[in-house]
PDB file of N, CA and C in Angstrom:
ATOM      1  N   UNK A   1       2.842  76.004 -32.019  1.00  0.00           N
ATOM      2  CA  UNK A   1       1.555  76.749 -31.871  1.00  0.00           C
ATOM      3  C   UNK A   1       0.757  76.231 -30.724  1.00  0.00           C
ATOM      4  N   UNK A   2       0.337  77.156 -29.845  1.00  0.00           N
ATOM      5  CA  UNK A   2      -0.377  76.822 -28.691  1.00  0.00           C
ATOM      6  C   UNK A   2      -1.804  76.381 -29.028  1.00  0.00           C
ATOM      7  N   UNK A   3      -2.476  75.720 -28.134  1.00  0.00           N
ATOM      8  CA  UNK A   3      -3.863  75.247 -28.437  1.00  0.00           C
ATOM      9  C   UNK A   3      -4.856  76.355 -28.751  1.00  0.00           C
ATOM     10  N   UNK A   4      -4.803  77.365 -28.091  1.00  0.00           N
ATOM     11  CA  UNK A   4      -5.677  78.530 -28.286  1.00  0.00           C
ATOM     12  C   UNK A   4      -5.509  78.999 -29.764  1.00  0.00           C
ATOM     13  N   UNK A   5      -4.264  79.318 -30.206  1.00  0.00           N
ATOM     14  CA  UNK A   5      -4.105  79.690 -31.574  1.00  0.00           C
ATOM     15  C   UNK A   5      -4.505  78.706 -32.553  1.00  0.00           C
ATOM     16  N   UNK A   6      -4.312  77.421 -32.294  1.00  0.00           N
ATOM     17  CA  UNK A   6      -4.618  76.458 -33.229  1.00  0.00           C
ATOM     18  C   UNK A   6      -6.232  76.372 -33.401  1.00  0.00           C
ATOM     19  N   UNK A   7      -6.934  76.534 -32.215  1.00  0.00           N
ATOM     20  CA  UNK A   7      -8.386  76.457 -32.201  1.00  0.00           C
ATOM     21  C   UNK A   7      -8.954  77.633 -33.019  1.00  0.00           C
ATOM     22  N   UNK A   8      -8.436  78.867 -32.756  1.00  0.00           N
ATOM     23  CA  UNK A   8      -8.932  80.006 -33.516  1.00  0.00           C
ATOM     24  C   UNK A   8      -8.709  79.738 -35.014  1.00  0.00           C
ATOM     25  N   UNK A   9      -7.553  79.273 -35.427  1.00  0.00           N
ATOM     26  CA  UNK A   9      -7.305  79.179 -36.810  1.00  0.00           C
ATOM     27  C   UNK A   9      -8.084  78.055 -37.479  1.00  0.00           C
ATOM     28  N   UNK A  10      -8.312  76.997 -36.693  1.00  0.00           N
ATOM     29  CA  UNK A  10      -9.116  75.854 -37.234  1.00  0.00           C
ATOM     30  C   UNK A  10     -10.601  76.286 -37.376  1.00  0.00           C
ATOM     31  N   UNK A  11     -11.173  76.940 -36.324  1.00  0.00           N
ATOM     32  CA  UNK A  11     -12.543  77.358 -36.476  1.00  0.00           C
ATOM     33  C   UNK A  11     -12.957  78.520 -37.355  1.00  0.00           C
ATOM     34  N   UNK A  12     -12.034  79.456 -37.420  1.00  0.00           N
ATOM     35  CA  UNK A  12     -12.254  80.646 -38.144  1.00  0.00           C
ATOM     36  C   UNK A  12     -11.493  80.731 -39.435  1.00  0.00           C
ATOM     37  N   UNK A  13     -10.464  79.992 -39.641  1.00  0.00           N
ATOM     38  CA  UNK A  13      -9.675  80.106 -40.815  1.00  0.00           C
ATOM     39  C   UNK A  13      -8.800  81.361 -40.776  1.00  0.00           C
ATOM     40  N   UNK A  14      -9.038  82.270 -39.886  1.00  0.00           N
ATOM     41  CA  UNK A  14      -8.240  83.479 -39.779  1.00  0.00           C
ATOM     42  C   UNK A  14      -8.306  83.866 -38.281  1.00  0.00           C
ATOM     43  N   UNK A  15      -7.567  84.727 -37.875  1.00  0.00           N
ATOM     44  CA  UNK A  15      -7.457  85.106 -36.514  1.00  0.00           C
ATOM     45  C   UNK A  15      -8.395  86.335 -36.195  1.00  0.00           C
ATOM     46  N   UNK A  16      -9.454  86.193 -35.259  1.00  0.00           N
ATOM     47  CA  UNK A  16     -10.318  87.279 -34.929  1.00  0.00           C
ATOM     48  C   UNK A  16      -9.555  88.387 -34.078  1.00  0.00           C
ATOM     49  N   UNK A  17      -8.348  88.013 -33.736  1.00  0.00           N
ATOM     50  CA  UNK A  17      -7.604  88.949 -32.821  1.00  0.00           C
ATOM     51  C   UNK A  17      -6.494  89.579 -33.806  1.00  0.00           C
ATOM     52  N   UNK A  18      -6.467  91.049 -33.841  1.00  0.00           N
ATOM     53  CA  UNK A  18      -5.479  91.679 -34.641  1.00  0.00           C
ATOM     54  C   UNK A  18      -4.464  92.072 -33.830  1.00  0.00           C
ATOM     55  N   UNK A  19      -3.166  91.816 -34.173  1.00  0.00           N
ATOM     56  CA  UNK A  19      -1.962  92.116 -33.311  1.00  0.00           C
ATOM     57  C   UNK A  19      -1.074  93.069 -34.073  1.00  0.00           C
ATOM     58  N   UNK A  20      -0.595  94.135 -33.292  1.00  0.00           N
ATOM     59  CA  UNK A  20       0.427  95.045 -33.808  1.00  0.00           C
ATOM     60  C   UNK A  20       1.478  95.203 -32.783  1.00  0.00           C
ATOM     61  N   UNK A  21       2.708  94.909 -33.179  1.00  0.00           N
ATOM     62  CA  UNK A  21       3.786  94.968 -32.249  1.00  0.00           C
ATOM     63  C   UNK A  21       3.629  94.197 -30.965  1.00  0.00           C
ATOM     64  N   UNK A  22       2.973  93.033 -31.080  1.00  0.00           N
ATOM     65  CA  UNK A  22       2.919  92.239 -29.867  1.00  0.00           C
ATOM     66  C   UNK A  22       1.608  92.606 -29.057  1.00  0.00           C
ATOM     67  N   UNK A  23       0.879  93.683 -29.317  1.00  0.00           N
ATOM     68  CA  UNK A  23      -0.274  94.189 -28.668  1.00  0.00           C
ATOM     69  C   UNK A  23      -1.466  93.723 -29.318  1.00  0.00           C
ATOM     70  N   UNK A  24      -2.436  93.122 -28.727  1.00  0.00           N
ATOM     71  CA  UNK A  24      -3.802  93.001 -29.416  1.00  0.00           C
ATOM     72  C   UNK A  24      -4.381  94.263 -29.622  1.00  0.00           C
ATOM     73  N   UNK A  25      -4.644  94.630 -30.881  1.00  0.00           N
ATOM     74  CA  UNK A  25      -5.229  95.887 -31.204  1.00  0.00           C
ATOM     75  C   UNK A  25      -6.679  95.932 -31.560  1.00  0.00           C
ATOM     76  N   UNK A  26      -7.204  94.892 -31.853  1.00  0.00           N
ATOM     77  CA  UNK A  26      -8.662  94.812 -32.237  1.00  0.00           C
ATOM     78  C   UNK A  26      -9.125  93.304 -32.086  1.00  0.00           C
ATOM     79  N   UNK A  27     -10.380  93.230 -31.739  1.00  0.00           N
ATOM     80  CA  UNK A  27     -11.047  91.881 -31.618  1.00  0.00           C
ATOM     81  C   UNK A  27     -12.180  91.913 -32.598  1.00  0.00           C
ATOM     82  N   UNK A  28     -12.162  90.958 -33.544  1.00  0.00           N
ATOM     83  CA  UNK A  28     -13.197  90.859 -34.540  1.00  0.00           C
ATOM     84  C   UNK A  28     -14.149  89.680 -34.372  1.00  0.00           C
ATOM     85  N   UNK A  29     -14.016  89.030 -33.231  1.00  0.00           N
ATOM     86  CA  UNK A  29     -14.831  87.909 -33.029  1.00  0.00           C
ATOM     87  C   UNK A  29     -16.094  88.139 -32.354  1.00  0.00           C
ATOM     88  N   UNK A  30     -16.871  87.087 -32.171  1.00  0.00           N
ATOM     89  CA  UNK A  30     -18.218  87.217 -31.469  1.00  0.00           C
ATOM     90  C   UNK A  30     -18.189  86.170 -30.345  1.00  0.00           C
ATOM     91  N   UNK A  31     -17.167  85.502 -29.985  1.00  0.00           N
ATOM     92  CA  UNK A  31     -17.203  84.589 -28.839  1.00  0.00           C
ATOM     93  C   UNK A  31     -17.294  85.367 -27.561  1.00  0.00           C
ATOM     94  N   UNK A  32     -18.038  84.772 -26.631  1.00  0.00           N
ATOM     95  CA  UNK A  32     -18.253  85.397 -25.270  1.00  0.00           C
ATOM     96  C   UNK A  32     -17.228  84.890 -24.311  1.00  0.00           C
ATOM     97  N   UNK A  33     -16.586  83.700 -24.597  1.00  0.00           N
ATOM     98  CA  UNK A  33     -15.535  83.091 -23.704  1.00  0.00           C
ATOM     99  C   UNK A  33     -14.276  83.218 -24.534  1.00  0.00           C
ATOM    100  N   UNK A  34     -13.361  84.091 -24.219  1.00  0.00           N
ATOM    101  CA  UNK A  34     -12.202  84.286 -25.094  1.00  0.00           C
ATOM    102  C   UNK A  34     -10.869  83.887 -24.394  1.00  0.00           C
ATOM    103  N   UNK A  35     -10.199  83.057 -25.094  1.00  0.00           N
ATOM    104  CA  UNK A  35      -8.846  82.657 -24.616  1.00  0.00           C
ATOM    105  C   UNK A  35      -7.760  83.272 -25.572  1.00  0.00           C
ATOM    106  N   UNK A  36      -6.957  84.228 -24.900  1.00  0.00           N
ATOM    107  CA  UNK A  36      -5.938  84.851 -25.668  1.00  0.00           C
ATOM    108  C   UNK A  36      -4.839  83.914 -25.900  1.00  0.00           C
ATOM    109  N   UNK A  37      -4.368  83.735 -27.161  1.00  0.00           N
ATOM    110  CA  UNK A  37      -3.238  82.795 -27.415  1.00  0.00           C
ATOM    111  C   UNK A  37      -1.957  83.355 -26.983  1.00  0.00           C
ATOM    112  N   UNK A  38      -0.954  82.520 -26.890  1.00  0.00           N
ATOM    113  CA  UNK A  38       0.450  82.938 -26.683  1.00  0.00           C
ATOM    114  C   UNK A  38       1.016  83.717 -27.831  1.00  0.00           C
ATOM    115  N   UNK A  39       0.608  83.376 -29.055  1.00  0.00           N
ATOM    116  CA  UNK A  39       1.064  83.985 -30.220  1.00  0.00           C
ATOM    117  C   UNK A  39      -0.091  84.147 -31.236  1.00  0.00           C
ATOM    118  N   UNK A  40       0.077  85.098 -32.139  1.00  0.00           N
ATOM    119  CA  UNK A  40      -0.800  85.274 -33.239  1.00  0.00           C
ATOM    120  C   UNK A  40       0.078  85.306 -34.504  1.00  0.00           C
ATOM    121  N   UNK A  41      -0.160  84.495 -35.353  1.00  0.00           N
ATOM    122  CA  UNK A  41       0.760  84.389 -36.553  1.00  0.00           C
ATOM    123  C   UNK A  41       2.226  84.475 -36.206  1.00  0.00           C
ATOM    124  N   UNK A  42       2.583  83.705 -35.225  1.00  0.00           N
ATOM    125  CA  UNK A  42       3.989  83.555 -34.753  1.00  0.00           C
ATOM    126  C   UNK A  42       4.581  84.843 -34.107  1.00  0.00           C
ATOM    127  N   UNK A  43       3.683  85.768 -33.840  1.00  0.00           N
ATOM    128  CA  UNK A  43       4.141  86.919 -33.076  1.00  0.00           C
ATOM    129  C   UNK A  43       3.615  86.821 -31.583  1.00  0.00           C
ATOM    130  N   UNK A  44       4.583  86.801 -30.585  1.00  0.00           N
ATOM    131  CA  UNK A  44       4.175  86.650 -29.178  1.00  0.00           C
ATOM    132  C   UNK A  44       3.250  87.785 -28.799  1.00  0.00           C
ATOM    133  N   UNK A  45       2.209  87.412 -27.970  1.00  0.00           N
ATOM    134  CA  UNK A  45       1.132  88.449 -27.530  1.00  0.00           C
ATOM    135  C   UNK A  45       1.727  88.851 -26.199  1.00  0.00           C
ATOM    136  N   UNK A  46       2.037  90.137 -26.047  1.00  0.00           N
ATOM    137  CA  UNK A  46       2.662  90.777 -24.851  1.00  0.00           C
ATOM    138  C   UNK A  46       1.652  91.802 -24.257  1.00  0.00           C
ATOM    139  N   UNK A  47       0.655  92.094 -24.822  1.00  0.00           N
ATOM    140  CA  UNK A  47      -0.224  93.085 -24.236  1.00  0.00           C
ATOM    141  C   UNK A  47      -1.671  93.206 -24.914  1.00  0.00           C
ATOM    142  N   UNK A  48      -2.538  93.820 -24.251  1.00  0.00           N
ATOM    143  CA  UNK A  48      -3.895  94.032 -24.760  1.00  0.00           C
ATOM    144  C   UNK A  48      -4.085  95.535 -24.842  1.00  0.00           C
ATOM    145  N   UNK A  49      -4.470  96.082 -26.004  1.00  0.00           N
ATOM    146  CA  UNK A  49      -4.604  97.489 -26.192  1.00  0.00           C
ATOM    147  C   UNK A  49      -5.862  98.117 -25.644  1.00  0.00           C
ATOM    148  N   UNK A  50      -5.926  99.423 -25.803  1.00  0.00           N
ATOM    149  CA  UNK A  50      -7.113 100.120 -25.224  1.00  0.00           C
ATOM    150  C   UNK A  50      -8.383  99.728 -25.843  1.00  0.00           C
ATOM    151  N   UNK A  51      -9.453  99.497 -25.120  1.00  0.00           N
ATOM    152  CA  UNK A  51     -10.685  99.220 -25.578  1.00  0.00           C
ATOM    153  C   UNK A  51     -10.894  98.045 -26.597  1.00  0.00           C
ATOM    154  N   UNK A  52      -9.936  97.101 -26.571  1.00  0.00           N
ATOM    155  CA  UNK A  52     -10.017  95.994 -27.472  1.00  0.00           C
ATOM    156  C   UNK A  52     -11.199  95.060 -27.282  1.00  0.00           C
ATOM    157  N   UNK A  53     -11.608  94.877 -26.158  1.00  0.00           N
ATOM    158  CA  UNK A  53     -12.849  93.986 -25.879  1.00  0.00           C
ATOM    159  C   UNK A  53     -13.979  94.841 -25.349  1.00  0.00           C
ATOM    160  N   UNK A  54     -13.906  96.063 -25.503  1.00  0.00           N
ATOM    161  CA  UNK A  54     -14.955  97.021 -24.863  1.00  0.00           C
ATOM    162  C   UNK A  54     -16.382  96.635 -25.597  1.00  0.00           C
ATOM    163  N   UNK A  55     -17.387  96.461 -24.758  1.00  0.00           N
ATOM    164  CA  UNK A  55     -18.715  96.120 -25.224  1.00  0.00           C
ATOM    165  C   UNK A  55     -18.899  95.039 -26.183  1.00  0.00           C
ATOM    166  N   UNK A  56     -18.063  93.958 -25.866  1.00  0.00           N
ATOM    167  CA  UNK A  56     -18.087  92.750 -26.721  1.00  0.00           C
ATOM    168  C   UNK A  56     -18.920  91.644 -26.104  1.00  0.00           C
ATOM    169  N   UNK A  57     -19.485  91.910 -24.917  1.00  0.00           N
ATOM    170  CA  UNK A  57     -20.406  90.971 -24.237  1.00  0.00           C
ATOM    171  C   UNK A  57     -19.558  89.706 -23.749  1.00  0.00           C
ATOM    172  N   UNK A  58     -18.369  89.940 -23.437  1.00  0.00           N
ATOM    173  CA  UNK A  58     -17.509  88.802 -22.818  1.00  0.00           C
ATOM    174  C   UNK A  58     -17.983  88.385 -21.538  1.00  0.00           C
ATOM    175  N   UNK A  59     -18.013  87.011 -21.269  1.00  0.00           N
ATOM    176  CA  UNK A  59     -18.331  86.539 -19.964  1.00  0.00           C
ATOM    177  C   UNK A  59     -17.116  85.899 -19.287  1.00  0.00           C
ATOM    178  N   UNK A  60     -16.169  85.477 -20.023  1.00  0.00           N
ATOM    179  CA  UNK A  60     -14.878  84.951 -19.483  1.00  0.00           C
ATOM    180  C   UNK A  60     -13.761  85.308 -20.385  1.00  0.00           C
ATOM    181  N   UNK A  61     -12.594  85.260 -19.769  1.00  0.00           N
ATOM    182  CA  UNK A  61     -11.303  85.629 -20.504  1.00  0.00           C
ATOM    183  C   UNK A  61     -10.185  84.871 -19.960  1.00  0.00           C
ATOM    184  N   UNK A  62      -9.325  84.386 -20.698  1.00  0.00           N
ATOM    185  CA  UNK A  62      -8.154  83.694 -20.268  1.00  0.00           C
ATOM    186  C   UNK A  62      -6.923  84.451 -20.781  1.00  0.00           C
ATOM    187  N   UNK A  63      -6.080  84.921 -19.936  1.00  0.00           N
ATOM    188  CA  UNK A  63      -4.941  85.804 -20.351  1.00  0.00           C
ATOM    189  C   UNK A  63      -3.598  85.032 -20.214  1.00  0.00           C
ATOM    190  N   UNK A  64      -2.769  84.788 -21.198  1.00  0.00           N
ATOM    191  CA  UNK A  64      -1.645  83.990 -21.093  1.00  0.00           C
ATOM    192  C   UNK A  64      -0.479  84.709 -20.291  1.00  0.00           C
ATOM    193  N   UNK A  65       0.474  83.870 -20.007  1.00  0.00           N
ATOM    194  CA  UNK A  65       1.599  84.493 -19.144  1.00  0.00           C
ATOM    195  C   UNK A  65       2.364  85.533 -19.955  1.00  0.00           C
ATOM    196  N   UNK A  66       2.333  85.470 -21.208  1.00  0.00           N
ATOM    197  CA  UNK A  66       3.142  86.391 -22.037  1.00  0.00           C
ATOM    198  C   UNK A  66       2.598  87.831 -21.963  1.00  0.00           C
ATOM    199  N   UNK A  67       1.299  88.116 -21.476  1.00  0.00           N
ATOM    200  CA  UNK A  67       0.772  89.429 -21.363  1.00  0.00           C
ATOM    201  C   UNK A  67       1.253  90.073 -20.142  1.00  0.00           C
ATOM    202  N   UNK A  68       1.790  91.274 -20.360  1.00  0.00           N
ATOM    203  CA  UNK A  68       2.269  91.976 -19.220  1.00  0.00           C
ATOM    204  C   UNK A  68       1.746  93.436 -19.191  1.00  0.00           C
ATOM    205  N   UNK A  69       0.822  93.832 -20.043  1.00  0.00           N
ATOM    206  CA  UNK A  69       0.141  95.129 -20.056  1.00  0.00           C
ATOM    207  C   UNK A  69      -1.192  94.877 -20.609  1.00  0.00           C
ATOM    208  N   UNK A  70      -2.197  95.702 -19.996  1.00  0.00           N
ATOM    209  CA  UNK A  70      -3.564  95.789 -20.331  1.00  0.00           C
ATOM    210  C   UNK A  70      -3.964  97.262 -20.439  1.00  0.00           C
ATOM    211  N   UNK A  71      -4.487  97.566 -21.632  1.00  0.00           N
ATOM    212  CA  UNK A  71      -4.750  99.068 -21.867  1.00  0.00           C
ATOM    213  C   UNK A  71      -6.117  99.455 -21.220  1.00  0.00           C
ATOM    214  N   UNK A  72      -6.195 100.751 -21.297  1.00  0.00           N
ATOM    215  CA  UNK A  72      -7.457 101.440 -20.676  1.00  0.00           C
ATOM    216  C   UNK A  72      -8.687 101.036 -21.328  1.00  0.00           C
ATOM    217  N   UNK A  73      -9.688 100.628 -20.533  1.00  0.00           N
ATOM    218  CA  UNK A  73     -11.059 100.314 -20.921  1.00  0.00           C
ATOM    219  C   UNK A  73     -10.989  99.076 -21.807  1.00  0.00           C
ATOM    220  N   UNK A  74      -9.952  98.181 -21.703  1.00  0.00           N
ATOM    221  CA  UNK A  74      -9.816  97.018 -22.577  1.00  0.00           C
ATOM    222  C   UNK A  74     -11.085  96.009 -22.338  1.00  0.00           C
ATOM    223  N   UNK A  75     -11.561  95.948 -21.164  1.00  0.00           N
ATOM    224  CA  UNK A  75     -12.712  95.078 -20.804  1.00  0.00           C
ATOM    225  C   UNK A  75     -14.054  95.790 -20.507  1.00  0.00           C
ATOM    226  N   UNK A  76     -14.102  97.105 -20.675  1.00  0.00           N
ATOM    227  CA  UNK A  76     -15.256  97.906 -20.229  1.00  0.00           C
ATOM    228  C   UNK A  76     -16.486  97.386 -21.040  1.00  0.00           C
ATOM    229  N   UNK A  77     -17.590  97.481 -20.204  1.00  0.00           N
ATOM    230  CA  UNK A  77     -18.916  97.162 -20.723  1.00  0.00           C
ATOM    231  C   UNK A  77     -19.226  95.729 -21.065  1.00  0.00           C
ATOM    232  N   UNK A  78     -18.423  94.779 -20.269  1.00  0.00           N
ATOM    233  CA  UNK A  78     -18.654  93.301 -20.345  1.00  0.00           C
ATOM    234  C   UNK A  78     -19.196  92.858 -19.001  1.00  0.00           C
ATOM    235  N   UNK A  79     -19.662  91.557 -19.064  1.00  0.00           N
ATOM    236  CA  UNK A  79     -20.155  90.951 -17.810  1.00  0.00           C
ATOM    237  C   UNK A  79     -19.308  89.749 -17.497  1.00  0.00           C
ATOM    238  N   UNK A  80     -17.981  90.111 -17.296  1.00  0.00           N
ATOM    239  CA  UNK A  80     -17.048  89.028 -16.881  1.00  0.00           C
ATOM    240  C   UNK A  80     -17.307  88.413 -15.602  1.00  0.00           C
ATOM    241  N   UNK A  81     -17.404  86.995 -15.623  1.00  0.00           N
ATOM    242  CA  UNK A  81     -17.651  86.252 -14.398  1.00  0.00           C
ATOM    243  C   UNK A  81     -16.484  85.329 -14.084  1.00  0.00           C
ATOM    244  N   UNK A  82     -15.479  85.236 -15.098  1.00  0.00           N
ATOM    245  CA  UNK A  82     -14.367  84.396 -14.920  1.00  0.00           C
ATOM    246  C   UNK A  82     -13.179  84.982 -15.612  1.00  0.00           C
ATOM    247  N   UNK A  83     -12.047  85.164 -14.965  1.00  0.00           N
ATOM    248  CA  UNK A  83     -10.827  85.608 -15.574  1.00  0.00           C
ATOM    249  C   UNK A  83      -9.762  84.600 -15.090  1.00  0.00           C
ATOM    250  N   UNK A  84      -9.104  84.043 -16.139  1.00  0.00           N
ATOM    251  CA  UNK A  84      -7.913  83.174 -15.729  1.00  0.00           C
ATOM    252  C   UNK A  84      -6.639  83.989 -16.061  1.00  0.00           C
ATOM    253  N   UNK A  85      -6.002  84.265 -14.964  1.00  0.00           N
ATOM    254  CA  UNK A  85      -4.821  85.286 -15.081  1.00  0.00           C
ATOM    255  C   UNK A  85      -3.429  84.528 -15.289  1.00  0.00           C
ATOM    256  N   UNK A  86      -2.491  85.186 -15.755  1.00  0.00           N
ATOM    257  CA  UNK A  86      -1.127  84.656 -15.805  1.00  0.00           C
ATOM    258  C   UNK A  86      -0.518  84.480 -14.359  1.00  0.00           C
ATOM    259  N   UNK A  87       0.671  84.091 -14.444  1.00  0.00           N
ATOM    260  CA  UNK A  87       1.389  83.916 -13.150  1.00  0.00           C
ATOM    261  C   UNK A  87       1.999  85.297 -12.578  1.00  0.00           C
ATOM    262  N   UNK A  88       1.896  86.354 -13.279  1.00  0.00           N
ATOM    263  CA  UNK A  88       2.434  87.482 -12.720  1.00  0.00           C
ATOM    264  C   UNK A  88       1.769  88.034 -11.422  1.00  0.00           C
ATOM    265  N   UNK A  89       2.287  88.836 -10.741  1.00  0.00           N
ATOM    266  CA  UNK A  89       1.727  89.251  -9.408  1.00  0.00           C
ATOM    267  C   UNK A  89       0.182  89.500  -9.496  1.00  0.00           C
ATOM    268  N   UNK A  90      -0.540  88.952  -8.680  1.00  0.00           N
ATOM    269  CA  UNK A  90      -2.005  88.880  -8.610  1.00  0.00           C
ATOM    270  C   UNK A  90      -2.523  90.376  -8.429  1.00  0.00           C
ATOM    271  N   UNK A  91      -1.962  91.080  -7.533  1.00  0.00           N
ATOM    272  CA  UNK A  91      -2.481  92.427  -7.223  1.00  0.00           C
ATOM    273  C   UNK A  91      -2.144  93.382  -8.431  1.00  0.00           C
ATOM    274  N   UNK A  92      -1.215  93.295  -9.105  1.00  0.00           N
ATOM    275  CA  UNK A  92      -0.844  93.975 -10.237  1.00  0.00           C
ATOM    276  C   UNK A  92      -1.825  93.664 -11.395  1.00  0.00           C
ATOM    277  N   UNK A  93      -2.150  92.403 -11.561  1.00  0.00           N
ATOM    278  CA  UNK A  93      -3.027  91.967 -12.600  1.00  0.00           C
ATOM    279  C   UNK A  93      -4.454  92.537 -12.287  1.00  0.00           C
ATOM    280  N   UNK A  94      -4.931  92.402 -11.052  1.00  0.00           N
ATOM    281  CA  UNK A  94      -6.320  92.859 -10.624  1.00  0.00           C
ATOM    282  C   UNK A  94      -6.278  94.349 -10.915  1.00  0.00           C
ATOM    283  N   UNK A  95      -5.270  95.123 -10.515  1.00  0.00           N
ATOM    284  CA  UNK A  95      -5.233  96.558 -10.757  1.00  0.00           C
ATOM    285  C   UNK A  95      -5.376  96.837 -12.255  1.00  0.00           C
ATOM    286  N   UNK A  96      -4.726  96.199 -13.066  1.00  0.00           N
ATOM    287  CA  UNK A  96      -4.702  96.502 -14.540  1.00  0.00           C
ATOM    288  C   UNK A  96      -6.183  96.029 -15.014  1.00  0.00           C
ATOM    289  N   UNK A  97      -6.683  94.927 -14.657  1.00  0.00           N
ATOM    290  CA  UNK A  97      -8.108  94.636 -15.122  1.00  0.00           C
ATOM    291  C   UNK A  97      -9.076  95.595 -14.651  1.00  0.00           C
ATOM    292  N   UNK A  98      -9.061  96.024 -13.395  1.00  0.00           N
ATOM    293  CA  UNK A  98      -9.980  97.090 -12.886  1.00  0.00           C
ATOM    294  C   UNK A  98      -9.775  98.332 -13.671  1.00  0.00           C
ATOM    295  N   UNK A  99      -8.579  98.724 -13.913  1.00  0.00           N
ATOM    296  CA  UNK A  99      -8.288  99.931 -14.694  1.00  0.00           C
ATOM    297  C   UNK A  99      -8.946  99.732 -16.180  1.00  0.00           C
ATOM    298  N   UNK A 100      -8.870  98.560 -16.681  1.00  0.00           N
ATOM    299  CA  UNK A 100      -9.347  98.266 -18.074  1.00  0.00           C
ATOM    300  C   UNK A 100     -10.820  98.148 -18.063  1.00  0.00           C
ATOM    301  N   UNK A 101     -11.548  98.375 -16.976  1.00  0.00           N
ATOM    302  CA  UNK A 101     -12.970  98.243 -17.075  1.00  0.00           C
ATOM    303  C   UNK A 101     -13.545  96.897 -17.113  1.00  0.00           C
ATOM    304  N   UNK A 102     -13.072  96.071 -16.416  1.00  0.00           N
ATOM    305  CA  UNK A 102     -13.569  94.566 -16.462  1.00  0.00           C
ATOM    306  C   UNK A 102     -14.919  94.430 -15.862  1.00  0.00           C
ATOM    307  N   UNK A 103     -15.493  95.373 -15.179  1.00  0.00           N
ATOM    308  CA  UNK A 103     -16.845  95.171 -14.602  1.00  0.00           C
ATOM    309  C   UNK A 103     -16.861  94.120 -13.521  1.00  0.00           C
ATOM    310  N   UNK A 104     -15.660  93.935 -12.795  1.00  0.00           N
ATOM    311  CA  UNK A 104     -15.567  92.980 -11.837  1.00  0.00           C
ATOM    312  C   UNK A 104     -16.239  93.395 -10.563  1.00  0.00           C
ATOM    313  N   UNK A 105     -17.185  92.525 -10.103  1.00  0.00           N
ATOM    314  CA  UNK A 105     -17.801  92.766  -8.789  1.00  0.00           C
ATOM    315  C   UNK A 105     -17.971  91.564  -7.939  1.00  0.00           C
ATOM    316  N   UNK A 106     -17.689  90.461  -8.455  1.00  0.00           N
ATOM    317  CA  UNK A 106     -17.924  89.186  -7.786  1.00  0.00           C
ATOM    318  C   UNK A 106     -16.509  88.565  -7.457  1.00  0.00           C
ATOM    319  N   UNK A 107     -16.429  88.052  -6.142  1.00  0.00           N
ATOM    320  CA  UNK A 107     -15.302  87.385  -5.773  1.00  0.00           C
ATOM    321  C   UNK A 107     -15.707  85.989  -5.059  1.00  0.00           C
ATOM    322  N   UNK A 108     -15.027  84.946  -5.228  1.00  0.00           N
ATOM    323  CA  UNK A 108     -13.752  84.809  -5.946  1.00  0.00           C
ATOM    324  C   UNK A 108     -14.087  84.758  -7.445  1.00  0.00           C
ATOM    325  N   UNK A 109     -13.207  85.457  -8.178  1.00  0.00           N
ATOM    326  CA  UNK A 109     -13.414  85.574  -9.662  1.00  0.00           C
ATOM    327  C   UNK A 109     -12.219  84.892 -10.350  1.00  0.00           C
ATOM    328  N   UNK A 110     -11.003  84.897  -9.706  1.00  0.00           N
ATOM    329  CA  UNK A 110      -9.891  84.411 -10.408  1.00  0.00           C
ATOM    330  C   UNK A 110      -9.574  82.929 -10.242  1.00  0.00           C
ATOM    331  N   UNK A 111      -9.117  82.398 -11.292  1.00  0.00           N
ATOM    332  CA  UNK A 111      -8.566  80.955 -11.314  1.00  0.00           C
ATOM    333  C   UNK A 111      -7.092  81.135 -11.638  1.00  0.00           C
ATOM    334  N   UNK A 112      -6.275  80.257 -11.255  1.00  0.00           N
ATOM    335  CA  UNK A 112      -4.852  80.292 -11.545  1.00  0.00           C
ATOM    336  C   UNK A 112      -4.586  79.256 -12.595  1.00  0.00           C
ATOM    337  N   UNK A 113      -3.636  79.554 -13.600  1.00  0.00           N
ATOM    338  CA  UNK A 113      -3.240  78.506 -14.501  1.00  0.00           C
ATOM    339  C   UNK A 113      -2.355  77.440 -13.853  1.00  0.00           C
TER     340      UNK A 113
END
């Protein structure tokens, strides 16, 4: 179990991220700084669904290497000031996050794992 999964399970007793077929389908948490774990209940996280984090007042997000897709408006309506992205191609990741409505306007914004 990765540290992010262990932290969520320890603090909340249940997972605030709902996963379906490897895709995060819903966020039920209230944290403003979200670290997406590599797995949720032993299911690898491979994507973030449409509007999952929309209007959740996020300020930072860490996306693991296992994520290869980000849905439409996944981060719309937030004030993201920091995004830690996986090691996949940076331009592709930026395009996906912009498509997902991350509200990105400040650079440098990215950190690398």
